[in-house]
């Protein structure tokens, strides 16, 4: 049901804004809607999106969640150095294809 999905989407937008410090303009750009729409969704309980906007925000929010999950699981440069995962330092100095 579209209205229930939008309640969950609203909670996700609030989490992205408050916990992860995403500014509204960045959320709007990432979700493909206006900043005003994001601000209204985050601050009011009775705002519901039209079908086209709902589909766009839903899909982009799912993509953003996936990217955020990947970022949280990312070990970072320091861990990559410890494990030697395909870094330039793994190559011998002077190796060329010539």
Protein backbone atom coordinates (compact mmCIF):
# COMPACT_ATOMS: atom_id res chain seq x y z
CA UNK A 1 0.00 0.00 0.00
CA UNK A 2 1.43 3.32 -1.14
CA UNK A 3 0.59 5.23 2.06
CA UNK A 4 2.33 2.67 4.28
CA UNK A 5 5.39 2.68 2.03
CA UNK A 6 5.52 6.45 2.36
CA UNK A 7 5.49 6.22 6.15
CA UNK A 8 8.59 4.00 5.92
CA UNK A 9 10.16 6.30 3.34
CA UNK A 10 9.54 9.29 5.61
CA UNK A 11 11.31 7.51 8.49
CA UNK A 12 14.26 6.68 6.23
CA UNK A 13 14.55 10.30 5.10
CA UNK A 14 14.53 11.48 8.72
CA UNK A 15 17.25 8.96 9.63
CA UNK A 16 19.39 10.04 6.68
CA UNK A 17 18.99 13.67 7.71
CA UNK A 18 19.42 13.32 11.48
CA UNK A 19 21.76 10.36 11.95
CA UNK A 20 23.88 10.61 8.81
CA UNK A 21 23.70 14.42 8.53
CA UNK A 22 22.53 14.46 4.91
CA UNK A 23 21.36 18.00 4.10
CA UNK A 24 17.91 18.29 2.57
CA UNK A 25 19.27 19.62 -0.72
CA UNK A 26 21.53 16.54 -1.10
CA UNK A 27 18.64 14.20 -0.27
CA UNK A 28 16.44 15.98 -2.80
CA UNK A 29 19.11 15.70 -5.49
CA UNK A 30 19.74 12.02 -4.69
CA UNK A 31 16.05 11.14 -4.57
CA UNK A 32 15.14 13.11 -7.69
CA UNK A 33 12.61 15.51 -6.18
CA UNK A 34 12.56 19.09 -4.93
CA UNK A 35 14.13 20.12 -1.65
CA UNK A 36 10.77 21.55 -0.61
CA UNK A 37 9.14 18.14 -1.06
CA UNK A 38 11.81 16.47 1.10
CA UNK A 39 11.45 19.10 3.82
CA UNK A 40 7.67 18.69 3.84
CA UNK A 41 7.90 14.89 3.92
CA UNK A 42 10.37 14.96 6.80
CA UNK A 43 8.46 17.48 8.89
CA UNK A 44 4.82 16.54 8.35
CA UNK A 45 2.99 13.27 8.76
CA UNK A 46 0.13 13.93 6.34
CA UNK A 47 2.07 14.71 3.15
CA UNK A 48 1.72 11.96 0.55
CA UNK A 49 3.47 11.90 -2.79
CA UNK A 50 1.78 11.55 -6.14
CA UNK A 51 2.30 8.19 -7.84
CA UNK A 52 5.12 9.33 -10.15
CA UNK A 53 7.08 11.01 -7.35
CA UNK A 54 6.40 8.07 -5.05
CA UNK A 55 7.94 5.61 -7.53
CA UNK A 56 10.94 7.85 -8.13
CA UNK A 57 11.64 8.45 -4.44
CA UNK A 58 11.09 4.78 -3.56
CA UNK A 59 13.55 3.51 -6.18
CA UNK A 60 16.17 6.16 -5.44
CA UNK A 61 15.83 5.58 -1.70
CA UNK A 62 16.42 1.84 -2.21
CA UNK A 63 19.54 2.67 -4.25
CA UNK A 64 20.73 5.10 -1.58
CA UNK A 65 20.20 2.50 1.17
CA UNK A 66 22.27 -0.01 -0.81
CA UNK A 67 25.09 2.51 -1.30
CA UNK A 68 24.98 3.46 2.37
CA UNK A 69 25.18 -0.19 3.40
CA UNK A 70 28.20 -0.68 1.12
CA UNK A 71 29.83 2.41 2.62
CA UNK A 72 29.26 1.12 6.15
CA UNK A 73 30.77 -2.27 5.24
CA UNK A 74 33.75 -0.66 3.50
CA UNK A 75 36.94 -1.44 5.40
CA UNK A 76 38.84 1.59 4.26
CA UNK A 77 42.30 2.21 2.94
CA UNK A 78 44.11 1.17 6.13
CA UNK A 79 42.51 -2.29 6.15
CA UNK A 80 43.22 -2.72 2.45
CA UNK A 81 46.89 -1.99 3.15
CA UNK A 82 47.00 -4.67 5.86
CA UNK A 83 45.48 -7.34 3.63
CA UNK A 84 47.23 -6.28 0.40
CA UNK A 85 44.08 -6.16 -1.67
CA UNK A 86 45.19 -5.08 -5.12
CA UNK A 87 46.97 -1.90 -4.20
CA UNK A 88 49.70 -0.25 -6.23
CA UNK A 89 52.18 -1.28 -3.52
CA UNK A 90 51.61 -4.92 -4.54
CA UNK A 91 53.30 -4.27 -7.86
CA UNK A 92 57.06 -4.53 -8.19
CA UNK A 93 58.81 -1.28 -8.83
CA UNK A 94 60.11 -1.13 -12.35
CA UNK A 95 57.56 -3.57 -13.79
CA UNK A 96 56.45 -2.30 -17.17
CA UNK A 97 54.63 -3.72 -20.11
CA UNK A 98 57.33 -2.45 -22.50
